[in-house]
């Protein structure tokens, strides 16, 4: 017997596209609360990097530029001076710089 509703199975089997694409983001202000100030401590760099990665994951990608600018304000001391002398454009470039400069090579 032919299936009188051939698309019914597909509609029932696949979730509503609106609910699948709904992602909860937090504000830039809330994301900043995840990240403590980074001073000149080598042991704090990896924690800082991990926390900033998390902040970017939970913040709307449209706010990446704003979040990056605010993350720069969370860095002080010698790293801040070194960063100011470079033209780092985004978090990936900054993260690479921090890891290469302020973490011990194993």
PDB file of N, CA and C in Angstrom:
ATOM      1  N   UNK A   1       0.845  -1.167   0.000  1.00  0.00           N
ATOM      2  CA  UNK A   1       0.000   0.000   0.000  1.00  0.00           C
ATOM      3  C   UNK A   1       0.900   1.243   0.000  1.00  0.00           C
ATOM      4  N   UNK A   2       0.686   2.221  -0.882  1.00  0.00           N
ATOM      5  CA  UNK A   2       1.531   3.403  -0.945  1.00  0.00           C
ATOM      6  C   UNK A   2       1.325   4.290   0.274  1.00  0.00           C
ATOM      7  N   UNK A   3       2.367   4.962   0.655  1.00  0.00           N
ATOM      8  CA  UNK A   3       2.316   5.888   1.782  1.00  0.00           C
ATOM      9  C   UNK A   3       1.611   7.153   1.314  1.00  0.00           C
ATOM     10  N   UNK A   4       0.453   7.471   1.906  1.00  0.00           N
ATOM     11  CA  UNK A   4      -0.317   8.628   1.497  1.00  0.00           C
ATOM     12  C   UNK A   4       0.287   9.939   1.998  1.00  0.00           C
ATOM     13  N   UNK A   5       1.141   9.851   2.967  1.00  0.00           N
ATOM     14  CA  UNK A   5       1.799  11.043   3.516  1.00  0.00           C
ATOM     15  C   UNK A   5       3.309  10.820   3.519  1.00  0.00           C
ATOM     16  N   UNK A   6       3.952  10.879   2.370  1.00  0.00           N
ATOM     17  CA  UNK A   6       5.372  10.542   2.306  1.00  0.00           C
ATOM     18  C   UNK A   6       6.261  11.477   3.140  1.00  0.00           C
ATOM     19  N   UNK A   7       5.864  12.693   3.358  1.00  0.00           N
ATOM     20  CA  UNK A   7       6.701  13.626   4.107  1.00  0.00           C
ATOM     21  C   UNK A   7       6.453  13.581   5.607  1.00  0.00           C
ATOM     22  N   UNK A   8       5.421  12.882   6.029  1.00  0.00           N
ATOM     23  CA  UNK A   8       5.086  12.846   7.445  1.00  0.00           C
ATOM     24  C   UNK A   8       6.214  12.255   8.275  1.00  0.00           C
ATOM     25  N   UNK A   9       6.802  11.168   7.828  1.00  0.00           N
ATOM     26  CA  UNK A   9       7.886  10.553   8.585  1.00  0.00           C
ATOM     27  C   UNK A   9       9.067  11.506   8.716  1.00  0.00           C
ATOM     28  N   UNK A  10       9.417  12.189   7.652  1.00  0.00           N
ATOM     29  CA  UNK A  10      10.546  13.116   7.694  1.00  0.00           C
ATOM     30  C   UNK A  10      10.271  14.256   8.671  1.00  0.00           C
ATOM     31  N   UNK A  11       9.036  14.765   8.671  1.00  0.00           N
ATOM     32  CA  UNK A  11       8.715  15.869   9.570  1.00  0.00           C
ATOM     33  C   UNK A  11       8.734  15.426  11.024  1.00  0.00           C
ATOM     34  N   UNK A  12       8.250  14.238  11.284  1.00  0.00           N
ATOM     35  CA  UNK A  12       8.219  13.743  12.650  1.00  0.00           C
ATOM     36  C   UNK A  12       9.622  13.376  13.116  1.00  0.00           C
ATOM     37  N   UNK A  13      10.449  12.818  12.234  1.00  0.00           N
ATOM     38  CA  UNK A  13      11.772  12.352  12.598  1.00  0.00           C
ATOM     39  C   UNK A  13      12.754  13.498  12.815  1.00  0.00           C
ATOM     40  N   UNK A  14      12.580  14.600  12.092  1.00  0.00           N
ATOM     41  CA  UNK A  14      13.541  15.699  12.252  1.00  0.00           C
ATOM     42  C   UNK A  14      12.958  16.766  13.164  1.00  0.00           C
ATOM     43  N   UNK A  15      13.760  17.242  14.120  1.00  0.00           N
ATOM     44  CA  UNK A  15      13.262  18.278  15.033  1.00  0.00           C
ATOM     45  C   UNK A  15      13.024  19.580  14.299  1.00  0.00           C
ATOM     46  N   UNK A  16      12.224  20.412  14.882  1.00  0.00           N
ATOM     47  CA  UNK A  16      11.926  21.718  14.315  1.00  0.00           C
ATOM     48  C   UNK A  16      13.227  22.510  14.172  1.00  0.00           C
ATOM     49  N   UNK A  17      13.467  23.044  12.982  1.00  0.00           N
ATOM     50  CA  UNK A  17      14.738  23.730  12.720  1.00  0.00           C
ATOM     51  C   UNK A  17      14.917  24.944  13.617  1.00  0.00           C
ATOM     52  N   UNK A  18      13.854  25.572  14.045  1.00  0.00           N
ATOM     53  CA  UNK A  18      13.978  26.726  14.931  1.00  0.00           C
ATOM     54  C   UNK A  18      14.519  26.341  16.296  1.00  0.00           C
ATOM     55  N   UNK A  19      14.121  25.192  16.822  1.00  0.00           N
ATOM     56  CA  UNK A  19      14.611  24.781  18.126  1.00  0.00           C
ATOM     57  C   UNK A  19      16.030  24.254  18.034  1.00  0.00           C
ATOM     58  N   UNK A  20      16.395  23.655  16.914  1.00  0.00           N
ATOM     59  CA  UNK A  20      17.753  23.145  16.759  1.00  0.00           C
ATOM     60  C   UNK A  20      18.743  24.299  16.710  1.00  0.00           C
ATOM     61  N   UNK A  21      18.383  25.400  16.056  1.00  0.00           N
ATOM     62  CA  UNK A  21      19.302  26.510  15.868  1.00  0.00           C
ATOM     63  C   UNK A  21      19.291  27.515  17.016  1.00  0.00           C
ATOM     64  N   UNK A  22      18.441  27.316  18.010  1.00  0.00           N
ATOM     65  CA  UNK A  22      18.400  28.242  19.135  1.00  0.00           C
ATOM     66  C   UNK A  22      19.600  27.982  20.039  1.00  0.00           C
ATOM     67  N   UNK A  23      20.445  28.990  20.181  1.00  0.00           N
ATOM     68  CA  UNK A  23      21.617  28.880  21.030  1.00  0.00           C
ATOM     69  C   UNK A  23      21.534  29.999  22.049  1.00  0.00           C
ATOM     70  N   UNK A  24      21.751  29.646  23.281  1.00  0.00           N
ATOM     71  CA  UNK A  24      21.721  30.640  24.343  1.00  0.00           C
ATOM     72  C   UNK A  24      23.103  31.273  24.460  1.00  0.00           C
ATOM     73  N   UNK A  25      23.166  32.585  24.368  1.00  0.00           N
ATOM     74  CA  UNK A  25      24.413  33.320  24.545  1.00  0.00           C
ATOM     75  C   UNK A  25      24.302  34.190  25.777  1.00  0.00           C
ATOM     76  N   UNK A  26      25.460  34.516  26.338  1.00  0.00           N
ATOM     77  CA  UNK A  26      25.483  35.462  27.445  1.00  0.00           C
ATOM     78  C   UNK A  26      26.013  36.798  26.921  1.00  0.00           C
ATOM     79  N   UNK A  27      25.785  37.838  27.667  1.00  0.00           N
ATOM     80  CA  UNK A  27      26.230  39.172  27.258  1.00  0.00           C
ATOM     81  C   UNK A  27      27.745  39.286  27.411  1.00  0.00           C
ATOM     82  N   UNK A  28      28.304  40.283  26.767  1.00  0.00           N
ATOM     83  CA  UNK A  28      29.736  40.548  26.900  1.00  0.00           C
ATOM     84  C   UNK A  28      30.068  40.843  28.365  1.00  0.00           C
ATOM     85  N   UNK A  29      29.206  41.588  29.036  1.00  0.00           N
ATOM     86  CA  UNK A  29      29.420  41.891  30.452  1.00  0.00           C
ATOM     87  C   UNK A  29      29.480  40.644  31.313  1.00  0.00           C
ATOM     88  N   UNK A  30      28.588  39.708  31.046  1.00  0.00           N
ATOM     89  CA  UNK A  30      28.601  38.447  31.790  1.00  0.00           C
ATOM     90  C   UNK A  30      29.842  37.632  31.446  1.00  0.00           C
ATOM     91  N   UNK A  31      30.245  37.644  30.178  1.00  0.00           N
ATOM     92  CA  UNK A  31      31.436  36.906  29.756  1.00  0.00           C
ATOM     93  C   UNK A  31      32.682  37.444  30.450  1.00  0.00           C
ATOM     94  N   UNK A  32      32.730  38.747  30.666  1.00  0.00           N
ATOM     95  CA  UNK A  32      33.888  39.345  31.338  1.00  0.00           C
ATOM     96  C   UNK A  32      34.044  38.835  32.767  1.00  0.00           C
ATOM     97  N   UNK A  33      32.953  38.451  33.379  1.00  0.00           N
ATOM     98  CA  UNK A  33      33.010  37.930  34.745  1.00  0.00           C
ATOM     99  C   UNK A  33      33.727  36.584  34.807  1.00  0.00           C
ATOM    100  N   UNK A  34      33.846  35.913  33.671  1.00  0.00           N
ATOM    101  CA  UNK A  34      34.531  34.623  33.620  1.00  0.00           C
ATOM    102  C   UNK A  34      36.043  34.761  33.648  1.00  0.00           C
ATOM    103  N   UNK A  35      36.542  35.957  33.370  1.00  0.00           N
ATOM    104  CA  UNK A  35      37.970  36.142  33.142  1.00  0.00           C
ATOM    105  C   UNK A  35      38.577  37.068  34.195  1.00  0.00           C
ATOM    106  N   UNK A  36      39.489  36.507  34.985  1.00  0.00           N
ATOM    107  CA  UNK A  36      40.199  37.300  35.983  1.00  0.00           C
ATOM    108  C   UNK A  36      41.321  38.085  35.306  1.00  0.00           C
ATOM    109  N   UNK A  37      41.804  39.079  35.980  1.00  0.00           N
ATOM    110  CA  UNK A  37      42.892  39.909  35.483  1.00  0.00           C
ATOM    111  C   UNK A  37      44.156  39.068  35.321  1.00  0.00           C
ATOM    112  N   UNK A  38      44.840  39.216  34.208  1.00  0.00           N
ATOM    113  CA  UNK A  38      46.111  38.537  33.971  1.00  0.00           C
ATOM    114  C   UNK A  38      47.232  39.526  34.237  1.00  0.00           C
ATOM    115  N   UNK A  39      48.108  39.150  35.158  1.00  0.00           N
ATOM    116  CA  UNK A  39      49.270  39.993  35.440  1.00  0.00           C
ATOM    117  C   UNK A  39      50.467  39.330  34.768  1.00  0.00           C
ATOM    118  N   UNK A  40      51.592  39.330  35.388  1.00  0.00           N
ATOM    119  CA  UNK A  40      52.799  38.797  34.757  1.00  0.00           C
ATOM    120  C   UNK A  40      53.119  37.391  35.261  1.00  0.00           C
ATOM    121  N   UNK A  41      52.136  36.644  35.653  1.00  0.00           N
ATOM    122  CA  UNK A  41      52.369  35.316  36.197  1.00  0.00           C
ATOM    123  C   UNK A  41      52.259  34.266  35.094  1.00  0.00           C
ATOM    124  N   UNK A  42      53.340  33.527  34.883  1.00  0.00           N
ATOM    125  CA  UNK A  42      53.331  32.516  33.824  1.00  0.00           C
ATOM    126  C   UNK A  42      52.284  31.434  34.095  1.00  0.00           C
ATOM    127  N   UNK A  43      52.122  31.068  35.342  1.00  0.00           N
ATOM    128  CA  UNK A  43      51.179  29.986  35.638  1.00  0.00           C
ATOM    129  C   UNK A  43      49.729  30.412  35.408  1.00  0.00           C
ATOM    130  N   UNK A  44      49.481  31.717  35.404  1.00  0.00           N
ATOM    131  CA  UNK A  44      48.126  32.194  35.186  1.00  0.00           C
ATOM    132  C   UNK A  44      47.722  32.304  33.726  1.00  0.00           C
ATOM    133  N   UNK A  45      48.677  32.210  32.819  1.00  0.00           N
ATOM    134  CA  UNK A  45      48.378  32.398  31.399  1.00  0.00           C
ATOM    135  C   UNK A  45      47.451  31.310  30.867  1.00  0.00           C
ATOM    136  N   UNK A  46      47.731  30.068  31.185  1.00  0.00           N
ATOM    137  CA  UNK A  46      46.893  28.984  30.652  1.00  0.00           C
ATOM    138  C   UNK A  46      45.474  29.057  31.203  1.00  0.00           C
ATOM    139  N   UNK A  47      45.339  29.450  32.461  1.00  0.00           N
ATOM    140  CA  UNK A  47      44.006  29.624  33.034  1.00  0.00           C
ATOM    141  C   UNK A  47      43.290  30.775  32.348  1.00  0.00           C
ATOM    142  N   UNK A  48      43.994  31.880  32.150  1.00  0.00           N
ATOM    143  CA  UNK A  48      43.428  33.029  31.456  1.00  0.00           C
ATOM    144  C   UNK A  48      42.963  32.624  30.060  1.00  0.00           C
ATOM    145  N   UNK A  49      43.815  31.927  29.325  1.00  0.00           N
ATOM    146  CA  UNK A  49      43.484  31.495  27.961  1.00  0.00           C
ATOM    147  C   UNK A  49      42.248  30.604  27.966  1.00  0.00           C
ATOM    148  N   UNK A  50      42.197  29.649  28.869  1.00  0.00           N
ATOM    149  CA  UNK A  50      41.041  28.746  28.939  1.00  0.00           C
ATOM    150  C   UNK A  50      39.762  29.511  29.259  1.00  0.00           C
ATOM    151  N   UNK A  51      39.844  30.471  30.175  1.00  0.00           N
ATOM    152  CA  UNK A  51      38.662  31.247  30.547  1.00  0.00           C
ATOM    153  C   UNK A  51      38.201  32.149  29.405  1.00  0.00           C
ATOM    154  N   UNK A  52      39.139  32.747  28.686  1.00  0.00           N
ATOM    155  CA  UNK A  52      38.758  33.579  27.548  1.00  0.00           C
ATOM    156  C   UNK A  52      38.161  32.715  26.444  1.00  0.00           C
ATOM    157  N   UNK A  53      38.729  31.542  26.206  1.00  0.00           N
ATOM    158  CA  UNK A  53      38.136  30.621  25.224  1.00  0.00           C
ATOM    159  C   UNK A  53      36.681  30.338  25.578  1.00  0.00           C
ATOM    160  N   UNK A  54      36.424  30.075  26.854  1.00  0.00           N
ATOM    161  CA  UNK A  54      35.055  29.815  27.309  1.00  0.00           C
ATOM    162  C   UNK A  54      34.171  31.035  27.085  1.00  0.00           C
ATOM    163  N   UNK A  55      34.691  32.212  27.391  1.00  0.00           N
ATOM    164  CA  UNK A  55      33.918  33.440  27.191  1.00  0.00           C
ATOM    165  C   UNK A  55      33.524  33.602  25.726  1.00  0.00           C
ATOM    166  N   UNK A  56      34.438  33.310  24.806  1.00  0.00           N
ATOM    167  CA  UNK A  56      34.114  33.422  23.389  1.00  0.00           C
ATOM    168  C   UNK A  56      33.105  32.364  22.959  1.00  0.00           C
ATOM    169  N   UNK A  57      33.172  31.183  23.554  1.00  0.00           N
ATOM    170  CA  UNK A  57      32.229  30.113  23.213  1.00  0.00           C
ATOM    171  C   UNK A  57      30.802  30.450  23.611  1.00  0.00           C
ATOM    172  N   UNK A  58      30.630  31.162  24.702  1.00  0.00           N
ATOM    173  CA  UNK A  58      29.283  31.413  25.220  1.00  0.00           C
ATOM    174  C   UNK A  58      28.741  32.794  24.869  1.00  0.00           C
ATOM    175  N   UNK A  59      29.495  33.530  24.060  1.00  0.00           N
ATOM    176  CA  UNK A  59      29.084  34.861  23.637  1.00  0.00           C
ATOM    177  C   UNK A  59      28.736  34.836  22.154  1.00  0.00           C
ATOM    178  N   UNK A  60      27.739  35.572  21.777  1.00  0.00           N
ATOM    179  CA  UNK A  60      27.314  35.652  20.378  1.00  0.00           C
ATOM    180  C   UNK A  60      28.505  36.035  19.500  1.00  0.00           C
ATOM    181  N   UNK A  61      28.781  35.262  18.450  1.00  0.00           N
ATOM    182  CA  UNK A  61      29.919  35.556  17.570  1.00  0.00           C
ATOM    183  C   UNK A  61      29.897  36.970  16.985  1.00  0.00           C
ATOM    184  N   UNK A  62      28.725  37.564  16.891  1.00  0.00           N
ATOM    185  CA  UNK A  62      28.647  38.941  16.387  1.00  0.00           C
ATOM    186  C   UNK A  62      29.313  39.936  17.335  1.00  0.00           C
ATOM    187  N   UNK A  63      29.547  39.519  18.575  1.00  0.00           N
ATOM    188  CA  UNK A  63      30.163  40.401  19.576  1.00  0.00           C
ATOM    189  C   UNK A  63      31.656  40.116  19.776  1.00  0.00           C
ATOM    190  N   UNK A  64      32.258  39.331  18.891  1.00  0.00           N
ATOM    191  CA  UNK A  64      33.663  38.955  19.071  1.00  0.00           C
ATOM    192  C   UNK A  64      34.599  40.151  19.153  1.00  0.00           C
ATOM    193  N   UNK A  65      34.413  41.137  18.292  1.00  0.00           N
ATOM    194  CA  UNK A  65      35.285  42.316  18.304  1.00  0.00           C
ATOM    195  C   UNK A  65      35.212  43.069  19.616  1.00  0.00           C
ATOM    196  N   UNK A  66      34.009  43.252  20.111  1.00  0.00           N
ATOM    197  CA  UNK A  66      33.812  43.947  21.383  1.00  0.00           C
ATOM    198  C   UNK A  66      34.414  43.144  22.528  1.00  0.00           C
ATOM    199  N   UNK A  67      34.154  41.854  22.535  1.00  0.00           N
ATOM    200  CA  UNK A  67      34.683  41.003  23.600  1.00  0.00           C
ATOM    201  C   UNK A  67      36.209  41.015  23.570  1.00  0.00           C
ATOM    202  N   UNK A  68      36.800  40.963  22.386  1.00  0.00           N
ATOM    203  CA  UNK A  68      38.262  40.993  22.269  1.00  0.00           C
ATOM    204  C   UNK A  68      38.820  42.289  22.886  1.00  0.00           C
ATOM    205  N   UNK A  69      38.211  43.406  22.580  1.00  0.00           N
ATOM    206  CA  UNK A  69      38.687  44.684  23.128  1.00  0.00           C
ATOM    207  C   UNK A  69      38.607  44.694  24.655  1.00  0.00           C
ATOM    208  N   UNK A  70      37.521  44.156  25.195  1.00  0.00           N
ATOM    209  CA  UNK A  70      37.400  44.108  26.647  1.00  0.00           C
ATOM    210  C   UNK A  70      38.389  43.120  27.266  1.00  0.00           C
ATOM    211  N   UNK A  71      38.675  42.023  26.583  1.00  0.00           N
ATOM    212  CA  UNK A  71      39.644  41.050  27.101  1.00  0.00           C
ATOM    213  C   UNK A  71      41.027  41.681  27.198  1.00  0.00           C
ATOM    214  N   UNK A  72      41.347  42.566  26.278  1.00  0.00           N
ATOM    215  CA  UNK A  72      42.631  43.272  26.346  1.00  0.00           C
ATOM    216  C   UNK A  72      42.745  44.078  27.638  1.00  0.00           C
ATOM    217  N   UNK A  73      41.621  44.591  28.125  1.00  0.00           N
ATOM    218  CA  UNK A  73      41.650  45.373  29.365  1.00  0.00           C
ATOM    219  C   UNK A  73      41.869  44.499  30.586  1.00  0.00           C
ATOM    220  N   UNK A  74      41.747  43.191  30.436  1.00  0.00           N
ATOM    221  CA  UNK A  74      41.935  42.255  31.552  1.00  0.00           C
ATOM    222  C   UNK A  74      43.401  41.848  31.699  1.00  0.00           C
ATOM    223  N   UNK A  75      44.280  42.437  30.886  1.00  0.00           N
ATOM    224  CA  UNK A  75      45.702  42.115  30.919  1.00  0.00           C
ATOM    225  C   UNK A  75      46.457  43.345  31.402  1.00  0.00           C
ATOM    226  N   UNK A  76      47.359  43.148  32.364  1.00  0.00           N
ATOM    227  CA  UNK A  76      48.120  44.283  32.892  1.00  0.00           C
ATOM    228  C   UNK A  76      49.597  43.921  32.977  1.00  0.00           C
ATOM    229  N   UNK A  77      50.380  44.872  33.396  1.00  0.00           N
ATOM    230  CA  UNK A  77      51.803  44.636  33.600  1.00  0.00           C
ATOM    231  C   UNK A  77      52.564  44.485  32.291  1.00  0.00           C
ATOM    232  N   UNK A  78      53.650  43.734  32.359  1.00  0.00           N
ATOM    233  CA  UNK A  78      54.524  43.550  31.208  1.00  0.00           C
ATOM    234  C   UNK A  78      53.805  42.955  29.998  1.00  0.00           C
ATOM    235  N   UNK A  79      52.911  41.973  30.187  1.00  0.00           N
ATOM    236  CA  UNK A  79      52.207  41.455  28.999  1.00  0.00           C
ATOM    237  C   UNK A  79      51.419  42.537  28.268  1.00  0.00           C
ATOM    238  N   UNK A  80      50.833  43.458  29.007  1.00  0.00           N
ATOM    239  CA  UNK A  80      50.055  44.537  28.380  1.00  0.00           C
ATOM    240  C   UNK A  80      50.954  45.415  27.512  1.00  0.00           C
ATOM    241  N   UNK A  81      52.146  45.724  28.011  1.00  0.00           N
ATOM    242  CA  UNK A  81      53.099  46.521  27.251  1.00  0.00           C
ATOM    243  C   UNK A  81      53.534  45.786  25.989  1.00  0.00           C
ATOM    244  N   UNK A  82      53.836  44.503  26.116  1.00  0.00           N
ATOM    245  CA  UNK A  82      54.269  43.707  24.968  1.00  0.00           C
ATOM    246  C   UNK A  82      53.161  43.600  23.927  1.00  0.00           C
ATOM    247  N   UNK A  83      51.935  43.454  24.365  1.00  0.00           N
ATOM    248  CA  UNK A  83      50.797  43.340  23.445  1.00  0.00           C
ATOM    249  C   UNK A  83      50.571  44.664  22.724  1.00  0.00           C
ATOM    250  N   UNK A  84      50.726  45.755  23.440  1.00  0.00           N
ATOM    251  CA  UNK A  84      50.502  47.080  22.844  1.00  0.00           C
ATOM    252  C   UNK A  84      51.465  47.355  21.692  1.00  0.00           C
ATOM    253  N   UNK A  85      52.633  46.722  21.718  1.00  0.00           N
ATOM    254  CA  UNK A  85      53.635  46.927  20.674  1.00  0.00           C
ATOM    255  C   UNK A  85      53.381  46.067  19.436  1.00  0.00           C
ATOM    256  N   UNK A  86      52.399  45.210  19.499  1.00  0.00           N
ATOM    257  CA  UNK A  86      52.074  44.333  18.367  1.00  0.00           C
ATOM    258  C   UNK A  86      50.717  44.725  17.807  1.00  0.00           C
ATOM    259  N   UNK A  87      50.486  44.303  16.597  1.00  0.00           N
ATOM    260  CA  UNK A  87      49.203  44.595  15.955  1.00  0.00           C
ATOM    261  C   UNK A  87      48.354  43.323  15.959  1.00  0.00           C
ATOM    262  N   UNK A  88      47.956  42.896  17.147  1.00  0.00           N
ATOM    263  CA  UNK A  88      47.167  41.674  17.271  1.00  0.00           C
ATOM    264  C   UNK A  88      45.706  42.020  17.010  1.00  0.00           C
ATOM    265  N   UNK A  89      45.109  41.345  16.042  1.00  0.00           N
ATOM    266  CA  UNK A  89      43.784  41.728  15.565  1.00  0.00           C
ATOM    267  C   UNK A  89      42.622  40.959  16.185  1.00  0.00           C
ATOM    268  N   UNK A  90      42.892  39.790  16.757  1.00  0.00           N
ATOM    269  CA  UNK A  90      41.792  38.981  17.283  1.00  0.00           C
ATOM    270  C   UNK A  90      42.298  38.072  18.397  1.00  0.00           C
ATOM    271  N   UNK A  91      41.365  37.352  19.000  1.00  0.00           N
ATOM    272  CA  UNK A  91      41.700  36.500  20.130  1.00  0.00           C
ATOM    273  C   UNK A  91      42.665  35.391  19.738  1.00  0.00           C
ATOM    274  N   UNK A  92      42.518  34.807  18.584  1.00  0.00           N
ATOM    275  CA  UNK A  92      43.411  33.718  18.180  1.00  0.00           C
ATOM    276  C   UNK A  92      44.862  34.200  18.111  1.00  0.00           C
ATOM    277  N   UNK A  93      45.088  35.395  17.560  1.00  0.00           N
ATOM    278  CA  UNK A  93      46.438  35.949  17.495  1.00  0.00           C
ATOM    279  C   UNK A  93      46.970  36.251  18.897  1.00  0.00           C
ATOM    280  N   UNK A  94      46.134  36.828  19.739  1.00  0.00           N
ATOM    281  CA  UNK A  94      46.546  37.142  21.107  1.00  0.00           C
ATOM    282  C   UNK A  94      46.836  35.870  21.888  1.00  0.00           C
ATOM    283  N   UNK A  95      45.984  34.881  21.748  1.00  0.00           N
ATOM    284  CA  UNK A  95      46.179  33.618  22.451  1.00  0.00           C
ATOM    285  C   UNK A  95      47.502  32.981  22.046  1.00  0.00           C
ATOM    286  N   UNK A  96      47.792  32.952  20.771  1.00  0.00           N
ATOM    287  CA  UNK A  96      49.046  32.389  20.276  1.00  0.00           C
ATOM    288  C   UNK A  96      50.242  33.143  20.867  1.00  0.00           C
ATOM    289  N   UNK A  97      50.162  34.471  20.867  1.00  0.00           N
ATOM    290  CA  UNK A  97      51.230  35.289  21.433  1.00  0.00           C
ATOM    291  C   UNK A  97      51.430  34.977  22.920  1.00  0.00           C
ATOM    292  N   UNK A  98      50.355  34.945  23.688  1.00  0.00           N
ATOM    293  CA  UNK A  98      50.461  34.675  25.120  1.00  0.00           C
ATOM    294  C   UNK A  98      51.064  33.312  25.394  1.00  0.00           C
ATOM    295  N   UNK A  99      50.593  32.313  24.677  1.00  0.00           N
ATOM    296  CA  UNK A  99      51.101  30.948  24.906  1.00  0.00           C
ATOM    297  C   UNK A  99      52.570  30.833  24.520  1.00  0.00           C
ATOM    298  N   UNK A 100      52.948  31.449  23.411  1.00  0.00           N
ATOM    299  CA  UNK A 100      54.352  31.368  22.957  1.00  0.00           C
ATOM    300  C   UNK A 100      55.291  32.174  23.838  1.00  0.00           C
ATOM    301  N   UNK A 101      54.811  33.258  24.386  1.00  0.00           N
ATOM    302  CA  UNK A 101      55.674  34.166  25.144  1.00  0.00           C
ATOM    303  C   UNK A 101      55.685  33.877  26.638  1.00  0.00           C
ATOM    304  N   UNK A 102      54.564  33.477  27.194  1.00  0.00           N
ATOM    305  CA  UNK A 102      54.450  33.408  28.650  1.00  0.00           C
ATOM    306  C   UNK A 102      54.196  32.022  29.239  1.00  0.00           C
ATOM    307  N   UNK A 103      54.313  30.988  28.436  1.00  0.00           N
ATOM    308  CA  UNK A 103      54.199  29.643  29.003  1.00  0.00           C
ATOM    309  C   UNK A 103      55.508  28.904  28.779  1.00  0.00           C
ATOM    310  N   UNK A 104      55.783  27.978  29.661  1.00  0.00           N
ATOM    311  CA  UNK A 104      57.024  27.217  29.549  1.00  0.00           C
ATOM    312  C   UNK A 104      56.867  26.160  28.478  1.00  0.00           C
ATOM    313  N   UNK A 105      57.895  26.029  27.683  1.00  0.00           N
ATOM    314  CA  UNK A 105      57.897  25.004  26.626  1.00  0.00           C
ATOM    315  C   UNK A 105      58.279  23.677  27.257  1.00  0.00           C
ATOM    316  N   UNK A 106      57.490  22.656  26.971  1.00  0.00           N
ATOM    317  CA  UNK A 106      57.749  21.350  27.572  1.00  0.00           C
ATOM    318  C   UNK A 106      58.680  20.592  26.762  1.00  0.00           C
TER     319      UNK A 106
END
